[in-house]
N, C-alpha and C. Protein backbone atom coordinates (compact mmCIF):
# COMPACT_ATOMS: atom_id res chain seq x y z
N MET A 1 99.47 93.46 68.27
CA MET A 1 100.79 93.96 68.59
C MET A 1 100.89 95.46 68.29
N PHE A 2 100.46 95.84 67.10
CA PHE A 2 100.54 97.25 66.70
C PHE A 2 99.67 98.10 67.63
N HIS A 3 98.48 97.61 67.97
CA HIS A 3 97.58 98.34 68.87
C HIS A 3 98.24 98.53 70.25
N HIS A 4 98.92 97.51 70.73
CA HIS A 4 99.62 97.59 72.01
C HIS A 4 100.70 98.68 71.97
N CYS A 5 101.45 98.77 70.89
CA CYS A 5 102.50 99.79 70.76
C CYS A 5 101.89 101.19 70.75
N LEU A 6 100.78 101.38 70.05
CA LEU A 6 100.12 102.68 70.01
C LEU A 6 99.62 103.08 71.40
N THR A 7 99.07 102.13 72.12
CA THR A 7 98.58 102.40 73.46
C THR A 7 99.73 102.84 74.37
N ARG A 8 100.86 102.17 74.30
CA ARG A 8 102.02 102.52 75.12
C ARG A 8 102.54 103.92 74.75
N MET A 9 102.55 104.24 73.46
CA MET A 9 103.01 105.56 73.03
C MET A 9 102.11 106.65 73.59
N ARG A 10 100.80 106.43 73.54
CA ARG A 10 99.86 107.42 74.08
C ARG A 10 100.06 107.61 75.58
N GLU A 11 100.28 106.52 76.30
CA GLU A 11 100.51 106.61 77.74
C GLU A 11 101.76 107.43 78.03
N ASN A 12 102.83 107.17 77.31
CA ASN A 12 104.08 107.90 77.53
C ASN A 12 103.95 109.37 77.17
N LEU A 13 103.26 109.67 76.09
CA LEU A 13 103.10 111.07 75.67
C LEU A 13 102.24 111.86 76.64
N SER A 14 101.30 111.22 77.30
CA SER A 14 100.45 111.95 78.24
C SER A 14 101.22 112.36 79.49
N VAL A 15 102.30 111.68 79.81
CA VAL A 15 103.10 112.00 80.98
C VAL A 15 103.99 113.22 80.72
N ILE A 16 104.46 113.40 79.51
CA ILE A 16 105.40 114.48 79.20
C ILE A 16 104.83 115.86 79.49
N PRO A 17 103.63 116.23 79.01
CA PRO A 17 103.12 117.57 79.34
C PRO A 17 102.94 117.78 80.84
N PHE A 18 102.52 116.75 81.56
CA PHE A 18 102.34 116.88 83.00
C PHE A 18 103.67 117.13 83.68
N ALA A 19 104.71 116.40 83.30
CA ALA A 19 106.03 116.58 83.90
C ALA A 19 106.57 117.98 83.60
N ALA A 20 106.36 118.46 82.39
CA ALA A 20 106.82 119.80 82.04
C ALA A 20 106.09 120.86 82.86
N LEU A 21 104.80 120.68 83.06
CA LEU A 21 104.02 121.63 83.86
C LEU A 21 104.51 121.65 85.30
N VAL A 22 104.77 120.49 85.87
CA VAL A 22 105.26 120.41 87.24
C VAL A 22 106.61 121.12 87.36
N ALA A 23 107.50 120.90 86.40
CA ALA A 23 108.82 121.54 86.43
C ALA A 23 108.69 123.06 86.38
N VAL A 24 107.79 123.57 85.59
CA VAL A 24 107.60 125.02 85.47
C VAL A 24 107.01 125.59 86.75
N VAL A 25 106.08 124.88 87.35
CA VAL A 25 105.41 125.38 88.54
C VAL A 25 106.33 125.40 89.75
N ILE A 26 107.18 124.39 89.90
CA ILE A 26 107.99 124.32 91.12
C ILE A 26 109.37 124.95 90.99
N THR A 27 109.79 125.33 89.78
CA THR A 27 111.11 125.92 89.59
C THR A 27 111.02 127.42 89.71
N PRO A 28 111.74 128.02 90.67
CA PRO A 28 111.70 129.48 90.79
C PRO A 28 112.41 130.13 89.62
N THR A 29 111.88 131.25 89.16
CA THR A 29 112.54 131.98 88.08
C THR A 29 113.64 132.85 88.66
N GLN A 30 114.54 133.29 87.80
CA GLN A 30 115.61 134.17 88.25
C GLN A 30 115.01 135.43 88.85
N GLY A 31 113.93 135.92 88.26
CA GLY A 31 113.28 137.13 88.75
C GLY A 31 112.75 136.97 90.16
N GLN A 32 112.22 135.80 90.47
CA GLN A 32 111.71 135.56 91.81
C GLN A 32 112.84 135.61 92.83
N VAL A 33 113.99 135.07 92.47
CA VAL A 33 115.13 135.09 93.39
C VAL A 33 115.64 136.51 93.53
N ALA A 34 115.77 137.23 92.41
CA ALA A 34 116.25 138.61 92.46
C ALA A 34 115.25 139.49 93.20
N GLN A 35 113.97 139.23 93.04
CA GLN A 35 112.93 140.01 93.71
C GLN A 35 113.03 139.82 95.22
N ALA A 36 113.46 138.67 95.64
CA ALA A 36 113.59 138.38 97.07
C ALA A 36 114.95 138.82 97.58
N ALA A 37 115.60 139.72 96.86
CA ALA A 37 116.97 140.11 97.19
C ALA A 37 117.12 140.59 98.63
N GLY A 38 116.14 141.29 99.14
CA GLY A 38 116.24 141.77 100.51
C GLY A 38 115.88 140.71 101.52
N ASP A 39 115.25 139.66 101.08
CA ASP A 39 114.83 138.57 101.95
C ASP A 39 115.87 137.46 101.93
N GLU A 40 115.65 136.49 102.77
CA GLU A 40 116.51 135.32 102.76
C GLU A 40 116.16 134.46 101.54
N VAL A 41 117.16 134.08 100.79
CA VAL A 41 116.98 133.15 99.68
C VAL A 41 117.35 131.78 100.21
N PRO A 42 116.51 130.78 99.96
CA PRO A 42 116.82 129.44 100.47
C PRO A 42 118.19 128.96 99.97
N LEU A 43 118.92 128.36 100.84
CA LEU A 43 120.25 127.85 100.55
C LEU A 43 120.23 126.92 99.34
N ASP A 44 119.23 126.06 99.25
CA ASP A 44 119.18 125.11 98.15
C ASP A 44 118.96 125.79 96.80
N VAL A 45 118.29 126.94 96.77
CA VAL A 45 118.08 127.67 95.51
C VAL A 45 119.42 128.19 95.00
N VAL A 46 120.21 128.77 95.88
CA VAL A 46 121.52 129.30 95.48
C VAL A 46 122.44 128.14 95.07
N ALA A 47 122.43 127.05 95.84
CA ALA A 47 123.26 125.89 95.52
C ALA A 47 122.86 125.30 94.17
N ASP A 48 121.57 125.22 93.89
CA ASP A 48 121.10 124.71 92.59
C ASP A 48 121.56 125.61 91.45
N SER A 49 121.61 126.91 91.69
CA SER A 49 122.08 127.84 90.66
C SER A 49 123.55 127.59 90.35
N VAL A 50 124.34 127.30 91.38
CA VAL A 50 125.76 127.00 91.20
C VAL A 50 125.90 125.73 90.37
N ARG A 51 125.17 124.70 90.74
CA ARG A 51 125.25 123.42 90.03
C ARG A 51 124.78 123.55 88.58
N ALA A 52 123.75 124.36 88.36
CA ALA A 52 123.21 124.54 87.01
C ALA A 52 124.23 125.17 86.08
N ARG A 53 125.21 125.87 86.65
CA ARG A 53 126.26 126.49 85.84
C ARG A 53 127.50 125.60 85.74
N GLY A 54 127.39 124.35 86.20
CA GLY A 54 128.46 123.38 86.02
C GLY A 54 129.50 123.32 87.11
N TYR A 55 129.26 124.00 88.22
CA TYR A 55 130.20 123.97 89.35
C TYR A 55 129.73 122.96 90.39
N ALA A 56 130.68 122.45 91.14
CA ALA A 56 130.34 121.50 92.20
C ALA A 56 129.97 122.26 93.46
N CYS A 57 128.86 121.85 94.06
CA CYS A 57 128.44 122.40 95.36
C CYS A 57 127.98 121.21 96.18
N GLU A 58 128.95 120.57 96.85
CA GLU A 58 128.72 119.28 97.47
C GLU A 58 127.99 119.33 98.81
N ASP A 59 128.32 120.28 99.64
CA ASP A 59 127.75 120.33 100.98
C ASP A 59 127.41 121.79 101.33
N PRO A 60 126.36 122.34 100.72
CA PRO A 60 126.06 123.76 100.97
C PRO A 60 125.81 124.02 102.45
N ARG A 61 126.50 125.04 102.96
CA ARG A 61 126.42 125.33 104.39
C ARG A 61 125.76 126.66 104.69
N GLU A 62 126.08 127.68 103.88
CA GLU A 62 125.55 129.01 104.17
C GLU A 62 125.54 129.85 102.89
N ALA A 63 124.48 130.63 102.72
CA ALA A 63 124.40 131.61 101.64
C ALA A 63 124.03 132.94 102.28
N LYS A 64 124.83 133.96 102.00
CA LYS A 64 124.52 135.26 102.56
C LYS A 64 124.62 136.32 101.48
N ARG A 65 123.84 137.36 101.63
CA ARG A 65 123.78 138.43 100.65
C ARG A 65 125.13 139.15 100.58
N ASP A 66 125.59 139.40 99.37
CA ASP A 66 126.82 140.15 99.13
C ASP A 66 126.42 141.58 98.76
N GLU A 67 126.29 142.42 99.78
CA GLU A 67 125.82 143.79 99.57
C GLU A 67 126.75 144.59 98.65
N ALA A 68 128.06 144.37 98.77
CA ALA A 68 129.02 145.12 97.96
C ALA A 68 128.88 144.83 96.47
N ALA A 69 128.51 143.60 96.11
CA ALA A 69 128.38 143.22 94.71
C ALA A 69 126.96 143.36 94.18
N SER A 70 126.00 143.61 95.05
CA SER A 70 124.60 143.74 94.62
C SER A 70 124.34 145.12 94.03
N LYS A 71 123.42 145.18 93.08
CA LYS A 71 122.99 146.42 92.44
C LYS A 71 121.46 146.42 92.46
N PRO A 72 120.82 147.52 92.05
CA PRO A 72 119.36 147.57 92.10
C PRO A 72 118.64 146.39 91.44
N ASP A 73 119.09 145.95 90.27
CA ASP A 73 118.44 144.82 89.60
C ASP A 73 119.29 143.56 89.61
N GLU A 74 120.29 143.52 90.46
CA GLU A 74 121.18 142.36 90.55
C GLU A 74 121.41 142.00 92.00
N ALA A 75 120.92 140.85 92.40
CA ALA A 75 121.10 140.37 93.77
C ALA A 75 122.28 139.41 93.79
N ALA A 76 123.29 139.75 94.58
CA ALA A 76 124.49 138.91 94.68
C ALA A 76 124.50 138.18 96.01
N TRP A 77 124.94 136.92 95.97
CA TRP A 77 125.01 136.08 97.15
C TRP A 77 126.36 135.39 97.20
N LEU A 78 126.87 135.18 98.39
CA LEU A 78 128.07 134.38 98.60
C LEU A 78 127.62 133.06 99.23
N ILE A 79 128.10 131.97 98.67
CA ILE A 79 127.70 130.66 99.19
C ILE A 79 128.94 129.84 99.54
N ASP A 80 128.86 129.19 100.68
CA ASP A 80 129.89 128.26 101.14
C ASP A 80 129.37 126.86 100.85
N CYS A 81 130.00 126.18 99.89
CA CYS A 81 129.56 124.84 99.51
C CYS A 81 130.37 123.74 100.19
N GLY A 82 131.17 124.10 101.17
CA GLY A 82 132.00 123.10 101.82
C GLY A 82 133.27 122.84 101.02
N ASN A 83 133.13 122.49 99.76
CA ASN A 83 134.28 122.22 98.90
C ASN A 83 134.77 123.47 98.18
N ALA A 84 133.96 124.53 98.13
CA ALA A 84 134.33 125.76 97.42
C ALA A 84 133.39 126.89 97.83
N HIS A 85 133.80 128.11 97.49
CA HIS A 85 132.98 129.30 97.75
C HIS A 85 132.69 129.97 96.40
N TYR A 86 131.48 130.50 96.26
CA TYR A 86 131.08 131.13 95.00
C TYR A 86 130.32 132.42 95.27
N ARG A 87 130.39 133.32 94.29
CA ARG A 87 129.51 134.49 94.26
C ARG A 87 128.49 134.18 93.18
N VAL A 88 127.22 134.30 93.53
CA VAL A 88 126.12 134.04 92.60
C VAL A 88 125.37 135.35 92.43
N VAL A 89 125.27 135.82 91.19
CA VAL A 89 124.60 137.08 90.91
C VAL A 89 123.38 136.79 90.04
N TYR A 90 122.20 137.14 90.56
CA TYR A 90 120.95 137.01 89.83
C TYR A 90 120.68 138.34 89.16
N MET A 91 120.66 138.34 87.82
CA MET A 91 120.52 139.57 87.06
C MET A 91 119.12 139.68 86.48
N GLY A 92 118.19 140.21 87.28
CA GLY A 92 116.80 140.35 86.82
C GLY A 92 116.24 139.03 86.36
N ASP A 93 115.51 139.07 85.25
CA ASP A 93 114.95 137.85 84.69
C ASP A 93 115.89 137.21 83.68
N ALA A 94 117.04 137.86 83.44
CA ALA A 94 117.91 137.45 82.34
C ALA A 94 118.73 136.20 82.63
N SER A 95 119.58 136.26 83.63
CA SER A 95 120.50 135.15 83.82
C SER A 95 121.09 135.12 85.22
N VAL A 96 121.91 134.13 85.41
CA VAL A 96 122.63 133.96 86.67
C VAL A 96 124.11 133.86 86.33
N GLU A 97 124.91 134.57 87.08
CA GLU A 97 126.36 134.51 86.90
C GLU A 97 126.95 133.87 88.15
N VAL A 98 127.85 132.91 87.97
CA VAL A 98 128.50 132.25 89.10
C VAL A 98 130.00 132.37 88.91
N GLU A 99 130.69 132.78 89.98
CA GLU A 99 132.15 132.84 89.91
C GLU A 99 132.74 132.31 91.22
N PRO A 100 133.79 131.49 91.10
CA PRO A 100 134.47 131.01 92.29
C PRO A 100 135.16 132.17 93.01
N VAL A 101 135.14 132.14 94.33
CA VAL A 101 135.85 133.15 95.14
C VAL A 101 136.66 132.42 96.20
N ASP A 102 137.70 133.10 96.67
CA ASP A 102 138.54 132.52 97.72
C ASP A 102 137.99 132.79 99.09
């Protein structure tokens, strides 16, 4: 019985580092999004940033660059989530700021 429990614990622990590695590899950093400021940022990346800050983004439709709010190291985007509109500002590698807009 004890041997069975140890075997199960080892199996579960071996999955954790792999899952963490996959999450790091596939998750874009804030810097990558800000670096792509002049390029199109995928709609789902901006929508995920909104959700990560605790806002609802139910049906993302369009994300477009907000040139007026953008600065050299800050890429700003306006997103239409169907249920609400937000300004998402990627500030270098530091953080993401999300604010509801009308």
